[in-house]
All heavy atoms as atom14 arrays in JSON, in Angstrom:
{
  "sequence": "RKIYPALYNLFIDQKLPQSFALIGLGRREMNDESFKASVEQS",
  "atom14_mask": [
    [1, 1, 1, 1, 1, 1, 1, 1, 1, 1, 1, 0, 0, 0],
    [1, 1, 1, 1, 1, 1, 1, 1, 1, 0, 0, 0, 0, 0],
    [1, 1, 1, 1, 1, 1, 1, 1, 0, 0, 0, 0, 0, 0],
    [1, 1, 1, 1, 1, 1, 1, 1, 1, 1, 1, 1, 0, 0],
    [1, 1, 1, 1, 1, 1, 1, 0, 0, 0, 0, 0, 0, 0],
    [1, 1, 1, 1, 1, 0, 0, 0, 0, 0, 0, 0, 0, 0],
    [1, 1, 1, 1, 1, 1, 1, 1, 0, 0, 0, 0, 0, 0],
    [1, 1, 1, 1, 1, 1, 1, 1, 1, 1, 1, 1, 0, 0],
    [1, 1, 1, 1, 1, 1, 1, 1, 0, 0, 0, 0, 0, 0],
    [1, 1, 1, 1, 1, 1, 1, 1, 0, 0, 0, 0, 0, 0],
    [1, 1, 1, 1, 1, 1, 1, 1, 1, 1, 1, 0, 0, 0],
    [1, 1, 1, 1, 1, 1, 1, 1, 0, 0, 0, 0, 0, 0],
    [1, 1, 1, 1, 1, 1, 1, 1, 0, 0, 0, 0, 0, 0],
    [1, 1, 1, 1, 1, 1, 1, 1, 1, 0, 0, 0, 0, 0],
    [1, 1, 1, 1, 1, 1, 1, 1, 1, 0, 0, 0, 0, 0],
    [1, 1, 1, 1, 1, 1, 1, 1, 0, 0, 0, 0, 0, 0],
    [1, 1, 1, 1, 1, 1, 1, 0, 0, 0, 0, 0, 0, 0],
    [1, 1, 1, 1, 1, 1, 1, 1, 1, 0, 0, 0, 0, 0],
    [1, 1, 1, 1, 1, 1, 0, 0, 0, 0, 0, 0, 0, 0],
    [1, 1, 1, 1, 1, 1, 1, 1, 1, 1, 1, 0, 0, 0],
    [1, 1, 1, 1, 1, 0, 0, 0, 0, 0, 0, 0, 0, 0],
    [1, 1, 1, 1, 1, 1, 1, 1, 0, 0, 0, 0, 0, 0],
    [1, 1, 1, 1, 1, 1, 1, 1, 0, 0, 0, 0, 0, 0],
    [1, 1, 1, 1, 0, 0, 0, 0, 0, 0, 0, 0, 0, 0],
    [1, 1, 1, 1, 1, 1, 1, 1, 0, 0, 0, 0, 0, 0],
    [1, 1, 1, 1, 0, 0, 0, 0, 0, 0, 0, 0, 0, 0],
    [1, 1, 1, 1, 1, 1, 1, 1, 1, 1, 1, 0, 0, 0],
    [1, 1, 1, 1, 1, 1, 1, 1, 1, 1, 1, 0, 0, 0],
    [1, 1, 1, 1, 1, 1, 1, 1, 1, 0, 0, 0, 0, 0],
    [1, 1, 1, 1, 1, 1, 1, 1, 0, 0, 0, 0, 0, 0],
    [1, 1, 1, 1, 1, 1, 1, 1, 0, 0, 0, 0, 0, 0],
    [1, 1, 1, 1, 1, 1, 1, 1, 0, 0, 0, 0, 0, 0],
    [1, 1, 1, 1, 1, 1, 1, 1, 1, 0, 0, 0, 0, 0],
    [1, 1, 1, 1, 1, 1, 0, 0, 0, 0, 0, 0, 0, 0],
    [1, 1, 1, 1, 1, 1, 1, 1, 1, 1, 1, 0, 0, 0],
    [1, 1, 1, 1, 1, 1, 1, 1, 1, 0, 0, 0, 0, 0],
    [1, 1, 1, 1, 1, 0, 0, 0, 0, 0, 0, 0, 0, 0],
    [1, 1, 1, 1, 1, 1, 0, 0, 0, 0, 0, 0, 0, 0],
    [1, 1, 1, 1, 1, 1, 1, 0, 0, 0, 0, 0, 0, 0],
    [1, 1, 1, 1, 1, 1, 1, 1, 1, 0, 0, 0, 0, 0],
    [1, 1, 1, 1, 1, 1, 1, 1, 1, 0, 0, 0, 0, 0],
    [1, 1, 1, 1, 1, 1, 0, 0, 0, 0, 0, 0, 0, 0]
  ],
  "atom14_positions": [
    [[129.86, 100.46, 32.66], [129.91, 99.01, 32.44], [129.12, 98.22, 33.48], [128.57, 97.16, 33.16], [131.36, 98.52, 32.42], [132.13, 98.93, 31.19], [133.58, 98.46, 31.27], [134.29, 98.71, 30.02], [134.34, 97.87, 28.99], [133.71, 96.7, 29.08], [134.99, 98.17, 27.9], [0.0, 0.0, 0.0], [0.0, 0.0, 0.0], [0.0, 0.0, 0.0]],
    [[129.08, 98.71, 34.7], [128.51, 97.91, 35.78], [127.31, 98.55, 36.49], [126.28, 97.91, 36.68], [129.6, 97.6, 36.82], [130.76, 96.76, 36.29], [130.28, 95.36, 35.87], [131.45, 94.51, 35.4], [130.99, 93.15, 34.96], [0.0, 0.0, 0.0], [0.0, 0.0, 0.0], [0.0, 0.0, 0.0], [0.0, 0.0, 0.0], [0.0, 0.0, 0.0]],
    [[127.47, 99.81, 36.9], [126.46, 100.4, 37.79], [125.15, 100.67, 37.06], [124.07, 100.27, 37.53], [127.01, 101.69, 38.44], [128.23, 101.34, 39.3], [125.93, 102.36, 39.29], [128.96, 102.54, 39.85], [0.0, 0.0, 0.0], [0.0, 0.0, 0.0], [0.0, 0.0, 0.0], [0.0, 0.0, 0.0], [0.0, 0.0, 0.0], [0.0, 0.0, 0.0]],
    [[125.18, 101.33, 35.9], [123.94, 101.63, 35.18], [123.23, 100.36, 34.7], [122.0, 100.24, 34.87], [124.2, 102.59, 34.02], [124.77, 103.92, 34.44], [125.77, 104.54, 33.7], [124.34, 104.56, 35.61], [126.31, 105.76, 34.1], [124.87, 105.77, 36.0], [125.86, 106.37, 35.25], [126.4, 107.57, 35.65], [0.0, 0.0, 0.0], [0.0, 0.0, 0.0]],
    [[123.95, 99.4, 34.12], [123.25, 98.15, 33.75], [122.65, 97.44, 34.96], [121.56, 96.88, 34.87], [124.36, 97.31, 33.1], [125.34, 98.31, 32.58], [125.33, 99.42, 33.59], [0.0, 0.0, 0.0], [0.0, 0.0, 0.0], [0.0, 0.0, 0.0], [0.0, 0.0, 0.0], [0.0, 0.0, 0.0], [0.0, 0.0, 0.0], [0.0, 0.0, 0.0]],
    [[123.35, 97.46, 36.09], [122.82, 96.82, 37.3], [121.55, 97.51, 37.76], [120.54, 96.85, 38.08], [123.87, 96.84, 38.41], [0.0, 0.0, 0.0], [0.0, 0.0, 0.0], [0.0, 0.0, 0.0], [0.0, 0.0, 0.0], [0.0, 0.0, 0.0], [0.0, 0.0, 0.0], [0.0, 0.0, 0.0], [0.0, 0.0, 0.0], [0.0, 0.0, 0.0]],
    [[121.55, 98.82, 37.78], [120.35, 99.57, 38.19], [119.2, 99.33, 37.24], [118.04, 99.19, 37.66], [120.67, 101.07, 38.26], [121.57, 101.52, 39.43], [122.01, 102.95, 39.23], [120.84, 101.36, 40.75], [0.0, 0.0, 0.0], [0.0, 0.0, 0.0], [0.0, 0.0, 0.0], [0.0, 0.0, 0.0], [0.0, 0.0, 0.0], [0.0, 0.0, 0.0]],
    [[119.5, 99.24, 35.95], [118.45, 98.99, 34.96], [117.8, 97.63, 35.17], [116.57, 97.49, 35.13], [119.04, 99.09, 33.55], [118.06, 98.75, 32.45], [116.97, 99.57, 32.17], [118.23, 97.6, 31.68], [116.07, 99.26, 31.16], [117.33, 97.28, 30.68], [116.25, 98.11, 30.42], [115.37, 97.79, 29.43], [0.0, 0.0, 0.0], [0.0, 0.0, 0.0]],
    [[118.62, 96.61, 35.42], [118.05, 95.28, 35.64], [117.31, 95.18, 36.96], [116.31, 94.47, 37.07], [119.17, 94.23, 35.55], [119.55, 93.92, 34.12], [118.81, 93.26, 33.39], [120.71, 94.41, 33.68], [0.0, 0.0, 0.0], [0.0, 0.0, 0.0], [0.0, 0.0, 0.0], [0.0, 0.0, 0.0], [0.0, 0.0, 0.0], [0.0, 0.0, 0.0]],
    [[117.75, 95.91, 37.97], [116.99, 95.99, 39.22], [115.64, 96.67, 38.98], [114.61, 96.29, 39.55], [117.78, 96.76, 40.28], [119.0, 96.04, 40.86], [119.8, 96.99, 41.77], [118.59, 94.8, 41.65], [0.0, 0.0, 0.0], [0.0, 0.0, 0.0], [0.0, 0.0, 0.0], [0.0, 0.0, 0.0], [0.0, 0.0, 0.0], [0.0, 0.0, 0.0]],
    [[115.64, 97.69, 38.13], [114.4, 98.39, 37.78], [113.42, 97.45, 37.08], [112.23, 97.4, 37.41], [114.74, 99.58, 36.88], [113.55, 100.34, 36.35], [112.84, 101.2, 37.18], [113.13, 100.18, 35.03], [111.74, 101.89, 36.7], [112.04, 100.87, 34.55], [111.33, 101.74, 35.38], [0.0, 0.0, 0.0], [0.0, 0.0, 0.0], [0.0, 0.0, 0.0]],
    [[113.93, 96.66, 36.14], [113.07, 95.69, 35.43], [112.49, 94.68, 36.41], [111.31, 94.3, 36.3], [113.88, 94.97, 34.33], [114.24, 95.93, 33.21], [113.11, 93.77, 33.78], [115.13, 95.34, 32.15], [0.0, 0.0, 0.0], [0.0, 0.0, 0.0], [0.0, 0.0, 0.0], [0.0, 0.0, 0.0], [0.0, 0.0, 0.0], [0.0, 0.0, 0.0]],
    [[113.29, 94.26, 37.37], [112.85, 93.25, 38.35], [112.07, 93.86, 39.51], [111.76, 93.15, 40.47], [114.06, 92.49, 38.9], [114.73, 91.62, 37.85], [114.04, 91.22, 36.89], [115.95, 91.36, 37.97], [0.0, 0.0, 0.0], [0.0, 0.0, 0.0], [0.0, 0.0, 0.0], [0.0, 0.0, 0.0], [0.0, 0.0, 0.0], [0.0, 0.0, 0.0]],
    [[111.8, 95.18, 39.41], [111.06, 95.9, 40.46], [111.77, 95.78, 41.81], [111.13, 95.57, 42.85], [109.62, 95.4, 40.54], [108.84, 95.62, 39.26], [107.38, 95.19, 39.36], [107.0, 94.43, 40.24], [106.56, 95.71, 38.45], [0.0, 0.0, 0.0], [0.0, 0.0, 0.0], [0.0, 0.0, 0.0], [0.0, 0.0, 0.0], [0.0, 0.0, 0.0]],
    [[113.09, 95.92, 41.78], [113.88, 95.84, 43.0], [114.5, 97.18, 43.38], [115.36, 97.24, 44.26], [115.0, 94.8, 42.82], [114.5, 93.36, 42.78], [115.66, 92.39, 42.68], [115.18, 90.94, 42.76], [116.32, 89.99, 42.67], [0.0, 0.0, 0.0], [0.0, 0.0, 0.0], [0.0, 0.0, 0.0], [0.0, 0.0, 0.0], [0.0, 0.0, 0.0]],
    [[114.06, 98.26, 42.73], [114.47, 99.59, 43.15], [113.36, 100.19, 44.01], [112.2, 99.79, 43.9], [114.72, 100.5, 41.94], [115.96, 100.23, 41.1], [116.06, 101.25, 39.97], [117.23, 100.25, 41.94], [0.0, 0.0, 0.0], [0.0, 0.0, 0.0], [0.0, 0.0, 0.0], [0.0, 0.0, 0.0], [0.0, 0.0, 0.0], [0.0, 0.0, 0.0]],
    [[113.7, 101.14, 44.88], [112.65, 101.8, 45.66], [111.61, 102.43, 44.73], [111.94, 102.88, 43.62], [113.41, 102.87, 46.43], [114.82, 102.4, 46.48], [115.04, 101.66, 45.21], [0.0, 0.0, 0.0], [0.0, 0.0, 0.0], [0.0, 0.0, 0.0], [0.0, 0.0, 0.0], [0.0, 0.0, 0.0], [0.0, 0.0, 0.0], [0.0, 0.0, 0.0]],
    [[110.38, 102.45, 45.18], [109.34, 103.04, 44.35], [109.62, 104.51, 44.08], [109.34, 105.02, 43.0], [107.98, 102.89, 45.05], [106.81, 103.17, 44.13], [105.5, 102.68, 44.74], [105.45, 102.32, 45.91], [104.44, 102.68, 43.95], [0.0, 0.0, 0.0], [0.0, 0.0, 0.0], [0.0, 0.0, 0.0], [0.0, 0.0, 0.0], [0.0, 0.0, 0.0]],
    [[110.21, 105.17, 45.08], [110.64, 106.55, 44.9], [112.17, 106.55, 44.89], [112.82, 106.38, 45.93], [110.1, 107.43, 46.02], [110.46, 108.78, 45.79], [0.0, 0.0, 0.0], [0.0, 0.0, 0.0], [0.0, 0.0, 0.0], [0.0, 0.0, 0.0], [0.0, 0.0, 0.0], [0.0, 0.0, 0.0], [0.0, 0.0, 0.0], [0.0, 0.0, 0.0]],
    [[112.74, 106.7, 43.7], [114.18, 106.58, 43.51], [114.67, 107.72, 42.63], [114.1, 107.98, 41.57], [114.51, 105.24, 42.86], [115.96, 105.03, 42.53], [116.86, 104.65, 43.51], [116.44, 105.21, 41.23], [118.21, 104.44, 43.22], [117.77, 105.01, 40.92], [118.66, 104.63, 41.92], [0.0, 0.0, 0.0], [0.0, 0.0, 0.0], [0.0, 0.0, 0.0]],
    [[115.72, 108.4, 43.09], [116.33, 109.47, 42.3], [117.83, 109.26, 42.25], [118.44, 108.85, 43.25], [116.01, 110.83, 42.9], [0.0, 0.0, 0.0], [0.0, 0.0, 0.0], [0.0, 0.0, 0.0], [0.0, 0.0, 0.0], [0.0, 0.0, 0.0], [0.0, 0.0, 0.0], [0.0, 0.0, 0.0], [0.0, 0.0, 0.0], [0.0, 0.0, 0.0]],
    [[118.43, 109.5, 41.1], [119.88, 109.38, 40.95], [120.45, 110.71, 40.47], [119.95, 111.3, 39.5], [120.25, 108.27, 39.97], [121.76, 107.98, 39.86], [122.01, 106.5, 39.64], [122.42, 108.79, 38.73], [0.0, 0.0, 0.0], [0.0, 0.0, 0.0], [0.0, 0.0, 0.0], [0.0, 0.0, 0.0], [0.0, 0.0, 0.0], [0.0, 0.0, 0.0]],
    [[121.47, 111.16, 41.16], [122.19, 112.37, 40.75], [123.62, 111.98, 40.42], [124.37, 111.55, 41.31], [122.15, 113.45, 41.85], [120.69, 113.88, 42.11], [123.0, 114.65, 41.45], [120.53, 114.85, 43.25], [0.0, 0.0, 0.0], [0.0, 0.0, 0.0], [0.0, 0.0, 0.0], [0.0, 0.0, 0.0], [0.0, 0.0, 0.0], [0.0, 0.0, 0.0]],
    [[123.96, 112.08, 39.15], [125.31, 111.76, 38.71], [126.21, 112.96, 38.83], [125.81, 114.09, 38.51], [0.0, 0.0, 0.0], [0.0, 0.0, 0.0], [0.0, 0.0, 0.0], [0.0, 0.0, 0.0], [0.0, 0.0, 0.0], [0.0, 0.0, 0.0], [0.0, 0.0, 0.0], [0.0, 0.0, 0.0], [0.0, 0.0, 0.0], [0.0, 0.0, 0.0]],
    [[127.44, 112.73, 39.27], [128.4, 113.81, 39.48], [129.67, 113.56, 38.69], [130.15, 112.42, 38.63], [128.75, 113.94, 40.97], [127.58, 114.11, 41.94], [128.07, 113.98, 43.37], [126.89, 115.45, 41.71], [0.0, 0.0, 0.0], [0.0, 0.0, 0.0], [0.0, 0.0, 0.0], [0.0, 0.0, 0.0], [0.0, 0.0, 0.0], [0.0, 0.0, 0.0]],
    [[130.21, 114.62, 38.11], [131.46, 114.51, 37.39], [132.02, 115.88, 37.11], [131.33, 116.9, 37.28], [0.0, 0.0, 0.0], [0.0, 0.0, 0.0], [0.0, 0.0, 0.0], [0.0, 0.0, 0.0], [0.0, 0.0, 0.0], [0.0, 0.0, 0.0], [0.0, 0.0, 0.0], [0.0, 0.0, 0.0], [0.0, 0.0, 0.0], [0.0, 0.0, 0.0]],
    [[133.25, 115.95, 36.66], [133.87, 117.25, 36.36], [133.48, 117.75, 34.97], [133.59, 118.94, 34.69], [135.4, 117.13, 36.47], [135.88, 116.94, 37.9], [137.35, 117.2, 38.04], [138.17, 116.3, 37.23], [139.49, 116.36, 37.16], [140.15, 117.29, 37.83], [140.15, 115.5, 36.42], [0.0, 0.0, 0.0], [0.0, 0.0, 0.0], [0.0, 0.0, 0.0]],
    [[133.02, 116.84, 34.13], [132.67, 117.2, 32.76], [131.36, 117.99, 32.71], [130.38, 117.64, 33.37], [132.54, 115.93, 31.93], [132.36, 116.16, 30.44], [132.11, 114.84, 29.72], [133.1, 113.82, 30.1], [133.0, 112.55, 29.75], [131.95, 112.13, 29.06], [133.93, 111.68, 30.11], [0.0, 0.0, 0.0], [0.0, 0.0, 0.0], [0.0, 0.0, 0.0]],
    [[131.32, 119.05, 31.93], [130.09, 119.81, 31.73], [129.12, 118.98, 30.91], [129.47, 118.46, 29.85], [130.39, 121.14, 31.02], [131.15, 122.15, 31.86], [130.27, 122.81, 32.92], [129.04, 122.66, 32.84], [130.84, 123.46, 33.82], [0.0, 0.0, 0.0], [0.0, 0.0, 0.0], [0.0, 0.0, 0.0], [0.0, 0.0, 0.0], [0.0, 0.0, 0.0]],
    [[127.89, 118.86, 31.4], [126.89, 118.04, 30.71], [125.52, 118.4, 31.25], [125.36, 118.66, 32.45], [127.2, 116.55, 30.98], [126.35, 115.57, 30.2], [126.68, 113.85, 30.68], [128.42, 113.68, 30.32], [0.0, 0.0, 0.0], [0.0, 0.0, 0.0], [0.0, 0.0, 0.0], [0.0, 0.0, 0.0], [0.0, 0.0, 0.0], [0.0, 0.0, 0.0]],
    [[124.51, 118.43, 30.37], [123.16, 118.66, 30.87], [122.47, 117.33, 31.14], [123.0, 116.26, 30.83], [122.35, 119.53, 29.89], [122.22, 118.89, 28.51], [122.2, 117.66, 28.38], [122.12, 119.71, 27.48], [0.0, 0.0, 0.0], [0.0, 0.0, 0.0], [0.0, 0.0, 0.0], [0.0, 0.0, 0.0], [0.0, 0.0, 0.0], [0.0, 0.0, 0.0]],
    [[121.27, 117.4, 31.71], [120.56, 116.18, 32.1], [120.28, 115.28, 30.9], [120.4, 114.05, 30.99], [119.23, 116.53, 32.8], [119.43, 117.12, 34.18], [120.56, 117.02, 34.7], [118.48, 117.68, 34.74], [0.0, 0.0, 0.0], [0.0, 0.0, 0.0], [0.0, 0.0, 0.0], [0.0, 0.0, 0.0], [0.0, 0.0, 0.0], [0.0, 0.0, 0.0]],
    [[119.9, 115.87, 29.79], [119.53, 115.06, 28.62], [120.74, 114.34, 28.04], [120.64, 113.17, 27.64], [118.87, 115.94, 27.55], [117.51, 116.5, 27.96], [116.59, 115.42, 28.5], [116.42, 114.38, 27.81], [116.03, 115.59, 29.6], [0.0, 0.0, 0.0], [0.0, 0.0, 0.0], [0.0, 0.0, 0.0], [0.0, 0.0, 0.0], [0.0, 0.0, 0.0]],
    [[121.88, 115.0, 28.01], [123.1, 114.34, 27.52], [123.51, 113.21, 28.46], [123.95, 112.14, 28.01], [124.24, 115.35, 27.41], [123.93, 116.34, 26.46], [0.0, 0.0, 0.0], [0.0, 0.0, 0.0], [0.0, 0.0, 0.0], [0.0, 0.0, 0.0], [0.0, 0.0, 0.0], [0.0, 0.0, 0.0], [0.0, 0.0, 0.0], [0.0, 0.0, 0.0]],
    [[123.34, 113.44, 29.75], [123.67, 112.41, 30.73], [122.76, 111.2, 30.55], [123.22, 110.05, 30.53], [123.51, 113.0, 32.14], [123.75, 112.01, 33.25], [124.9, 111.22, 33.28], [122.84, 111.87, 34.29], [125.12, 110.32, 34.31], [123.06, 110.98, 35.33], [124.2, 110.2, 35.33], [0.0, 0.0, 0.0], [0.0, 0.0, 0.0], [0.0, 0.0, 0.0]],
    [[121.48, 111.42, 30.38], [120.54, 110.31, 30.19], [120.86, 109.54, 28.91], [120.76, 108.31, 28.88], [119.11, 110.85, 30.13], [118.59, 111.39, 31.45], [117.16, 111.92, 31.3], [116.65, 112.52, 32.6], [115.28, 113.03, 32.49], [0.0, 0.0, 0.0], [0.0, 0.0, 0.0], [0.0, 0.0, 0.0], [0.0, 0.0, 0.0], [0.0, 0.0, 0.0]],
    [[121.25, 110.26, 27.87], [121.61, 109.59, 26.62], [122.83, 108.7, 26.81], [122.91, 107.59, 26.26], [121.86, 110.63, 25.53], [0.0, 0.0, 0.0], [0.0, 0.0, 0.0], [0.0, 0.0, 0.0], [0.0, 0.0, 0.0], [0.0, 0.0, 0.0], [0.0, 0.0, 0.0], [0.0, 0.0, 0.0], [0.0, 0.0, 0.0], [0.0, 0.0, 0.0]],
    [[123.8, 109.17, 27.6], [125.0, 108.39, 27.88], [124.66, 107.13, 28.69], [125.17, 106.05, 28.42], [126.0, 109.25, 28.64], [127.12, 108.49, 29.02], [0.0, 0.0, 0.0], [0.0, 0.0, 0.0], [0.0, 0.0, 0.0], [0.0, 0.0, 0.0], [0.0, 0.0, 0.0], [0.0, 0.0, 0.0], [0.0, 0.0, 0.0], [0.0, 0.0, 0.0]],
    [[123.77, 107.28, 29.68], [123.33, 106.15, 30.48], [122.61, 105.12, 29.61], [122.84, 103.91, 29.71], [122.42, 106.6, 31.64], [121.84, 105.39, 32.37], [123.2, 107.48, 32.62], [0.0, 0.0, 0.0], [0.0, 0.0, 0.0], [0.0, 0.0, 0.0], [0.0, 0.0, 0.0], [0.0, 0.0, 0.0], [0.0, 0.0, 0.0], [0.0, 0.0, 0.0]],
    [[121.75, 105.61, 28.73], [121.01, 104.71, 27.84], [121.96, 103.93, 26.95], [121.78, 102.72, 26.73], [120.02, 105.49, 26.98], [119.22, 104.6, 26.05], [118.16, 105.36, 25.26], [117.99, 106.58, 25.49], [117.5, 104.72, 24.4], [0.0, 0.0, 0.0], [0.0, 0.0, 0.0], [0.0, 0.0, 0.0], [0.0, 0.0, 0.0], [0.0, 0.0, 0.0]],
    [[123.0, 104.59, 26.45], [123.97, 103.9, 25.6], [124.69, 102.81, 26.37], [124.94, 101.72, 25.84], [124.98, 104.91, 25.04], [125.9, 104.32, 23.98], [125.14, 103.8, 22.78], [124.31, 104.49, 22.19], [125.4, 102.54, 22.41], [0.0, 0.0, 0.0], [0.0, 0.0, 0.0], [0.0, 0.0, 0.0], [0.0, 0.0, 0.0], [0.0, 0.0, 0.0]],
    [[125.03, 103.08, 27.63], [125.72, 102.07, 28.43], [124.82, 100.86, 28.68], [125.3, 99.72, 28.73], [126.18, 102.67, 29.76], [125.1, 102.86, 30.65], [0.0, 0.0, 0.0], [0.0, 0.0, 0.0], [0.0, 0.0, 0.0], [0.0, 0.0, 0.0], [0.0, 0.0, 0.0], [0.0, 0.0, 0.0], [0.0, 0.0, 0.0], [0.0, 0.0, 0.0]]
  ]
}
């Protein structure tokens, strides 16, 4: 609800570091593509 939309709007406004990597952590089994799809939906 908050973190991914905030990061996306910072990205649009060019307010993220030029070299930026995010590693999401959780107990649920998930591959990178499923995680990206979930972020996109949010």
